Amino acid sequence: MNSLFKYLNYYFESRHTLLKQHVDLQQRYQLALIEARIRQLDSSSSLSQDTSQLFSWKDEWFTFLFSLPLFLCFFPGFSDYVSAGFEALSSIPVWYQYCVAFVLASAFGYKKLLKLLTIKRSL
């Protein structure tokens, strides 16, 4: 009888040890998945930062381009050219206006624009 209790005790201790090891492996696996996902997100965010730094010259170019008529209006003799330029722009086709708007949205970040629009809609 004593040997039966020893055997049962050994069996349940072994089973408990195996279950403990299984839980430990499951936790390690979940932790590894989380760490892999964090590394993936970090690499994608650094890639998007590198890409945004690569194309950041577009922002400065369009800012300069849109500021130029404003500054030229304050210099004598140039305001006539600015007025004539805006009159010429009023006669361009609508499809070209949409193309310019698309280029500007992509240069200044359409994701930011969409975020602003969704925030305003939710208010």
N, C-alpha and C. Protein backbone atom coordinates (compact mmCIF):
# COMPACT_ATOMS: atom_id res chain seq x y z
N MET A 1 0.83 -1.19 0.00
CA MET A 1 0.00 0.00 0.00
C MET A 1 0.87 1.26 0.00
N ASN A 2 1.93 1.18 0.75
CA ASN A 2 2.84 2.31 0.83
C ASN A 2 3.47 2.61 -0.54
N SER A 3 3.77 1.57 -1.28
CA SER A 3 4.35 1.76 -2.60
C SER A 3 3.34 2.37 -3.57
N LEU A 4 2.06 2.04 -3.40
CA LEU A 4 1.02 2.64 -4.23
C LEU A 4 0.93 4.14 -3.99
N PHE A 5 1.02 4.57 -2.74
CA PHE A 5 1.00 6.01 -2.44
C PHE A 5 2.24 6.71 -2.99
N LYS A 6 3.37 6.03 -2.91
CA LYS A 6 4.60 6.60 -3.47
C LYS A 6 4.46 6.77 -4.98
N TYR A 7 3.88 5.76 -5.62
CA TYR A 7 3.70 5.82 -7.07
C TYR A 7 2.72 6.94 -7.44
N LEU A 8 1.62 7.02 -6.74
CA LEU A 8 0.64 8.08 -7.02
C LEU A 8 1.24 9.47 -6.75
N ASN A 9 1.98 9.58 -5.69
CA ASN A 9 2.63 10.83 -5.37
C ASN A 9 3.62 11.21 -6.48
N TYR A 10 4.39 10.24 -6.92
CA TYR A 10 5.35 10.49 -8.00
C TYR A 10 4.61 10.88 -9.28
N TYR A 11 3.52 10.17 -9.57
CA TYR A 11 2.75 10.46 -10.78
C TYR A 11 2.20 11.88 -10.76
N PHE A 12 1.59 12.30 -9.68
CA PHE A 12 0.99 13.64 -9.62
C PHE A 12 2.05 14.74 -9.58
N GLU A 13 3.18 14.48 -8.93
CA GLU A 13 4.26 15.47 -8.93
C GLU A 13 4.84 15.63 -10.33
N SER A 14 5.01 14.52 -11.01
CA SER A 14 5.52 14.57 -12.39
C SER A 14 4.54 15.30 -13.30
N ARG A 15 3.29 15.00 -13.14
CA ARG A 15 2.26 15.66 -13.95
C ARG A 15 2.23 17.16 -13.66
N HIS A 16 2.33 17.51 -12.38
CA HIS A 16 2.35 18.92 -12.00
C HIS A 16 3.57 19.63 -12.59
N THR A 17 4.72 18.98 -12.57
CA THR A 17 5.94 19.55 -13.15
C THR A 17 5.80 19.75 -14.65
N LEU A 18 5.21 18.75 -15.32
CA LEU A 18 5.01 18.87 -16.77
C LEU A 18 4.04 19.99 -17.10
N LEU A 19 2.97 20.12 -16.35
CA LEU A 19 2.00 21.19 -16.59
C LEU A 19 2.63 22.56 -16.34
N LYS A 20 3.47 22.63 -15.32
CA LYS A 20 4.16 23.88 -15.02
C LYS A 20 5.10 24.27 -16.16
N GLN A 21 5.82 23.28 -16.69
CA GLN A 21 6.72 23.53 -17.81
C GLN A 21 5.94 23.94 -19.05
N HIS A 22 4.79 23.33 -19.24
CA HIS A 22 3.95 23.68 -20.40
C HIS A 22 3.47 25.12 -20.31
N VAL A 23 3.02 25.52 -19.15
CA VAL A 23 2.57 26.91 -18.93
C VAL A 23 3.73 27.87 -19.14
N ASP A 24 4.89 27.51 -18.65
CA ASP A 24 6.07 28.35 -18.80
C ASP A 24 6.43 28.51 -20.29
N LEU A 25 6.36 27.41 -21.04
CA LEU A 25 6.64 27.49 -22.48
C LEU A 25 5.61 28.34 -23.21
N GLN A 26 4.36 28.21 -22.83
CA GLN A 26 3.31 29.04 -23.43
C GLN A 26 3.55 30.52 -23.16
N GLN A 27 3.94 30.86 -21.94
CA GLN A 27 4.23 32.26 -21.61
C GLN A 27 5.42 32.77 -22.40
N ARG A 28 6.46 31.95 -22.52
CA ARG A 28 7.64 32.36 -23.30
C ARG A 28 7.28 32.57 -24.76
N TYR A 29 6.43 31.69 -25.29
CA TYR A 29 6.00 31.81 -26.67
C TYR A 29 5.21 33.10 -26.89
N GLN A 30 4.29 33.39 -26.00
CA GLN A 30 3.51 34.63 -26.11
C GLN A 30 4.40 35.86 -26.00
N LEU A 31 5.37 35.81 -25.08
CA LEU A 31 6.30 36.91 -24.92
C LEU A 31 7.14 37.10 -26.18
N ALA A 32 7.58 36.01 -26.79
CA ALA A 32 8.35 36.09 -28.03
C ALA A 32 7.51 36.68 -29.16
N LEU A 33 6.24 36.31 -29.22
CA LEU A 33 5.35 36.89 -30.24
C LEU A 33 5.19 38.39 -30.05
N ILE A 34 5.02 38.81 -28.82
CA ILE A 34 4.86 40.23 -28.52
C ILE A 34 6.13 41.00 -28.87
N GLU A 35 7.29 40.45 -28.51
CA GLU A 35 8.56 41.12 -28.83
C GLU A 35 8.78 41.20 -30.33
N ALA A 36 8.41 40.15 -31.06
CA ALA A 36 8.54 40.17 -32.52
C ALA A 36 7.64 41.23 -33.12
N ARG A 37 6.44 41.36 -32.61
CA ARG A 37 5.50 42.38 -33.12
C ARG A 37 6.03 43.78 -32.82
N ILE A 38 6.62 43.98 -31.65
CA ILE A 38 7.19 45.28 -31.30
C ILE A 38 8.34 45.62 -32.23
N ARG A 39 9.21 44.63 -32.50
CA ARG A 39 10.32 44.88 -33.43
C ARG A 39 9.80 45.21 -34.83
N GLN A 40 8.74 44.52 -35.24
CA GLN A 40 8.16 44.78 -36.55
C GLN A 40 7.60 46.20 -36.63
N LEU A 41 6.90 46.62 -35.59
CA LEU A 41 6.34 47.97 -35.57
C LEU A 41 7.44 49.02 -35.53
N ASP A 42 8.51 48.76 -34.75
CA ASP A 42 9.62 49.70 -34.70
C ASP A 42 10.30 49.84 -36.05
N SER A 43 10.49 48.72 -36.74
CA SER A 43 11.15 48.80 -38.04
C SER A 43 10.27 49.49 -39.07
N SER A 44 8.95 49.27 -39.01
CA SER A 44 8.07 49.94 -39.97
C SER A 44 7.98 51.43 -39.68
N SER A 45 8.01 51.82 -38.40
CA SER A 45 7.95 53.24 -38.09
C SER A 45 9.26 53.93 -38.46
N SER A 46 10.40 53.25 -38.29
CA SER A 46 11.66 53.86 -38.70
C SER A 46 11.73 53.95 -40.21
N LEU A 47 11.14 52.98 -40.92
CA LEU A 47 11.11 53.04 -42.37
C LEU A 47 10.25 54.21 -42.84
N SER A 48 9.10 54.42 -42.19
CA SER A 48 8.25 55.55 -42.59
C SER A 48 8.91 56.87 -42.24
N GLN A 49 9.69 56.92 -41.14
CA GLN A 49 10.41 58.15 -40.82
C GLN A 49 11.50 58.42 -41.85
N ASP A 50 12.22 57.37 -42.27
CA ASP A 50 13.23 57.54 -43.30
C ASP A 50 12.61 58.01 -44.60
N THR A 51 11.47 57.44 -44.95
CA THR A 51 10.78 57.84 -46.17
C THR A 51 10.30 59.28 -46.08
N SER A 52 9.76 59.66 -44.93
CA SER A 52 9.27 61.03 -44.79
C SER A 52 10.42 62.03 -44.82
N GLN A 53 11.58 61.65 -44.28
CA GLN A 53 12.74 62.55 -44.34
C GLN A 53 13.25 62.64 -45.76
N LEU A 54 13.15 61.56 -46.53
CA LEU A 54 13.60 61.57 -47.90
C LEU A 54 12.76 62.51 -48.76
N PHE A 55 11.46 62.53 -48.51
CA PHE A 55 10.56 63.34 -49.33
C PHE A 55 10.15 64.64 -48.65
N SER A 56 10.83 65.06 -47.63
CA SER A 56 10.44 66.27 -46.92
C SER A 56 10.71 67.53 -47.74
N TRP A 57 11.55 67.44 -48.77
CA TRP A 57 11.82 68.61 -49.59
C TRP A 57 10.56 69.08 -50.29
N LYS A 58 9.60 68.19 -50.53
CA LYS A 58 8.36 68.60 -51.19
C LYS A 58 7.59 69.59 -50.33
N ASP A 59 7.57 69.37 -49.04
CA ASP A 59 6.87 70.28 -48.13
C ASP A 59 7.46 71.68 -48.22
N GLU A 60 8.77 71.75 -48.16
CA GLU A 60 9.42 73.06 -48.22
C GLU A 60 9.20 73.73 -49.58
N TRP A 61 9.25 72.94 -50.64
CA TRP A 61 9.05 73.50 -51.98
C TRP A 61 7.65 74.08 -52.13
N PHE A 62 6.64 73.34 -51.71
CA PHE A 62 5.27 73.84 -51.84
C PHE A 62 5.00 75.01 -50.90
N THR A 63 5.61 75.01 -49.76
CA THR A 63 5.46 76.15 -48.85
C THR A 63 6.06 77.40 -49.49
N PHE A 64 7.21 77.26 -50.07
CA PHE A 64 7.85 78.39 -50.77
C PHE A 64 7.00 78.84 -51.95
N LEU A 65 6.50 77.85 -52.72
CA LEU A 65 5.72 78.17 -53.91
C LEU A 65 4.44 78.92 -53.55
N PHE A 66 3.77 78.52 -52.48
CA PHE A 66 2.53 79.19 -52.10
C PHE A 66 2.77 80.50 -51.36
N SER A 67 3.94 80.66 -50.79
CA SER A 67 4.26 81.91 -50.11
C SER A 67 4.75 82.98 -51.06
N LEU A 68 5.29 82.59 -52.18
CA LEU A 68 5.87 83.54 -53.13
C LEU A 68 4.87 84.61 -53.61
N PRO A 69 3.66 84.24 -54.05
CA PRO A 69 2.72 85.30 -54.45
C PRO A 69 2.38 86.25 -53.31
N LEU A 70 2.29 85.74 -52.11
CA LEU A 70 2.01 86.57 -50.95
C LEU A 70 3.10 87.62 -50.76
N PHE A 71 4.35 87.19 -50.84
CA PHE A 71 5.46 88.13 -50.67
C PHE A 71 5.57 89.10 -51.84
N LEU A 72 5.31 88.61 -53.05
CA LEU A 72 5.43 89.48 -54.23
C LEU A 72 4.39 90.59 -54.24
N CYS A 73 3.26 90.38 -53.58
CA CYS A 73 2.23 91.42 -53.52
C CYS A 73 2.72 92.66 -52.79
N PHE A 74 3.71 92.55 -51.93
CA PHE A 74 4.20 93.68 -51.16
C PHE A 74 5.31 94.46 -51.87
N PHE A 75 5.77 93.96 -53.00
CA PHE A 75 6.80 94.68 -53.75
C PHE A 75 6.15 95.42 -54.91
N PRO A 76 6.53 96.69 -55.08
CA PRO A 76 5.92 97.49 -56.16
C PRO A 76 6.22 96.88 -57.53
N GLY A 77 5.21 96.83 -58.35
CA GLY A 77 5.36 96.33 -59.71
C GLY A 77 5.06 94.85 -59.85
N PHE A 78 5.13 94.09 -58.80
CA PHE A 78 4.88 92.65 -58.90
C PHE A 78 3.43 92.30 -58.63
N SER A 79 2.68 93.16 -58.01
CA SER A 79 1.29 92.83 -57.69
C SER A 79 0.46 92.63 -58.96
N ASP A 80 0.80 93.35 -60.04
CA ASP A 80 0.09 93.14 -61.31
C ASP A 80 0.34 91.74 -61.85
N TYR A 81 1.57 91.27 -61.72
CA TYR A 81 1.90 89.92 -62.18
C TYR A 81 1.19 88.86 -61.35
N VAL A 82 1.10 89.10 -60.06
CA VAL A 82 0.40 88.15 -59.18
C VAL A 82 -1.08 88.11 -59.55
N SER A 83 -1.70 89.26 -59.76
CA SER A 83 -3.13 89.31 -60.14
C SER A 83 -3.35 88.61 -61.47
N ALA A 84 -2.47 88.86 -62.43
CA ALA A 84 -2.61 88.21 -63.74
C ALA A 84 -2.42 86.69 -63.61
N GLY A 85 -1.53 86.28 -62.75
CA GLY A 85 -1.32 84.84 -62.54
C GLY A 85 -2.54 84.16 -61.96
N PHE A 86 -3.18 84.81 -60.99
CA PHE A 86 -4.38 84.21 -60.40
C PHE A 86 -5.56 84.24 -61.37
N GLU A 87 -5.62 85.24 -62.22
CA GLU A 87 -6.66 85.25 -63.25
C GLU A 87 -6.44 84.11 -64.23
N ALA A 88 -5.18 83.84 -64.58
CA ALA A 88 -4.89 82.72 -65.47
C ALA A 88 -5.21 81.39 -64.79
N LEU A 89 -4.96 81.29 -63.51
CA LEU A 89 -5.28 80.05 -62.79
C LEU A 89 -6.77 79.78 -62.72
N SER A 90 -7.58 80.84 -62.75
CA SER A 90 -9.03 80.63 -62.68
C SER A 90 -9.58 80.00 -63.95
N SER A 91 -8.80 80.00 -65.01
CA SER A 91 -9.29 79.44 -66.28
C SER A 91 -8.74 78.04 -66.56
N ILE A 92 -8.00 77.45 -65.65
CA ILE A 92 -7.47 76.10 -65.91
C ILE A 92 -8.58 75.07 -65.72
N PRO A 93 -8.45 73.91 -66.38
CA PRO A 93 -9.51 72.89 -66.29
C PRO A 93 -9.66 72.33 -64.87
N VAL A 94 -10.83 71.84 -64.59
CA VAL A 94 -11.14 71.31 -63.27
C VAL A 94 -10.29 70.07 -62.98
N TRP A 95 -10.08 69.23 -63.98
CA TRP A 95 -9.30 68.01 -63.74
C TRP A 95 -7.87 68.36 -63.32
N TYR A 96 -7.34 69.46 -63.86
CA TYR A 96 -5.99 69.87 -63.49
C TYR A 96 -5.98 70.41 -62.05
N GLN A 97 -7.04 71.09 -61.66
CA GLN A 97 -7.15 71.58 -60.29
C GLN A 97 -7.17 70.40 -59.31
N TYR A 98 -7.89 69.34 -59.66
CA TYR A 98 -7.92 68.16 -58.81
C TYR A 98 -6.54 67.49 -58.74
N CYS A 99 -5.83 67.45 -59.85
CA CYS A 99 -4.48 66.87 -59.85
C CYS A 99 -3.55 67.66 -58.93
N VAL A 100 -3.63 68.98 -59.01
CA VAL A 100 -2.81 69.81 -58.14
C VAL A 100 -3.19 69.59 -56.68
N ALA A 101 -4.48 69.50 -56.41
CA ALA A 101 -4.93 69.26 -55.04
C ALA A 101 -4.43 67.90 -54.54
N PHE A 102 -4.44 66.89 -55.40
CA PHE A 102 -3.94 65.57 -55.01
C PHE A 102 -2.44 65.61 -54.72
N VAL A 103 -1.68 66.31 -55.54
CA VAL A 103 -0.24 66.43 -55.33
C VAL A 103 0.04 67.15 -54.01
N LEU A 104 -0.70 68.20 -53.74
CA LEU A 104 -0.52 68.93 -52.48
C LEU A 104 -0.89 68.08 -51.27
N ALA A 105 -1.97 67.32 -51.41
CA ALA A 105 -2.38 66.46 -50.29
C ALA A 105 -1.34 65.39 -50.03
N SER A 106 -0.75 64.85 -51.08
CA SER A 106 0.27 63.83 -50.87
C SER A 106 1.56 64.43 -50.32
N ALA A 107 1.86 65.68 -50.69
CA ALA A 107 3.08 66.32 -50.20
C ALA A 107 2.96 66.71 -48.73
N PHE A 108 1.82 67.22 -48.33
CA PHE A 108 1.65 67.69 -46.95
C PHE A 108 1.11 66.61 -46.03
N GLY A 109 0.82 65.45 -46.56
CA GLY A 109 0.38 64.35 -45.71
C GLY A 109 -1.12 64.22 -45.67
N TYR A 110 -1.66 63.45 -46.57
CA TYR A 110 -3.11 63.26 -46.61
C TYR A 110 -3.61 62.52 -45.38
N LYS A 111 -2.72 61.76 -44.72
CA LYS A 111 -3.15 61.08 -43.50
C LYS A 111 -3.49 62.08 -42.42
N LYS A 112 -2.71 63.15 -42.33
CA LYS A 112 -3.01 64.19 -41.35
C LYS A 112 -4.32 64.88 -41.70
N LEU A 113 -4.53 65.11 -43.00
CA LEU A 113 -5.76 65.74 -43.45
C LEU A 113 -6.96 64.86 -43.13
N LEU A 114 -6.84 63.56 -43.38
CA LEU A 114 -7.94 62.65 -43.07
C LEU A 114 -8.20 62.59 -41.58
N LYS A 115 -7.15 62.64 -40.77
CA LYS A 115 -7.32 62.63 -39.33
C LYS A 115 -8.07 63.89 -38.88
N LEU A 116 -7.71 65.03 -39.44
CA LEU A 116 -8.40 66.27 -39.09
C LEU A 116 -9.87 66.21 -39.50
N LEU A 117 -10.14 65.66 -40.68
CA LEU A 117 -11.52 65.57 -41.15
C LEU A 117 -12.35 64.64 -40.26
N THR A 118 -11.77 63.52 -39.84
CA THR A 118 -12.51 62.61 -38.98
C THR A 118 -12.72 63.19 -37.60
N ILE A 119 -11.78 63.97 -37.12
CA ILE A 119 -11.96 64.63 -35.82
C ILE A 119 -13.09 65.64 -35.91
N LYS A 120 -13.13 66.41 -36.99
CA LYS A 120 -14.19 67.42 -37.13
C LYS A 120 -15.55 66.76 -37.28
N ARG A 121 -15.62 65.61 -37.96
CA ARG A 121 -16.89 64.93 -38.13
C ARG A 121 -17.41 64.38 -36.81
N SER A 122 -16.49 63.94 -35.96
CA SER A 122 -16.91 63.36 -34.69
C SER A 122 -17.38 64.42 -33.70
N LEU A 123 -17.00 65.67 -33.89
CA LEU A 123 -17.43 66.74 -32.97
C LEU A 123 -18.83 67.13 -33.21
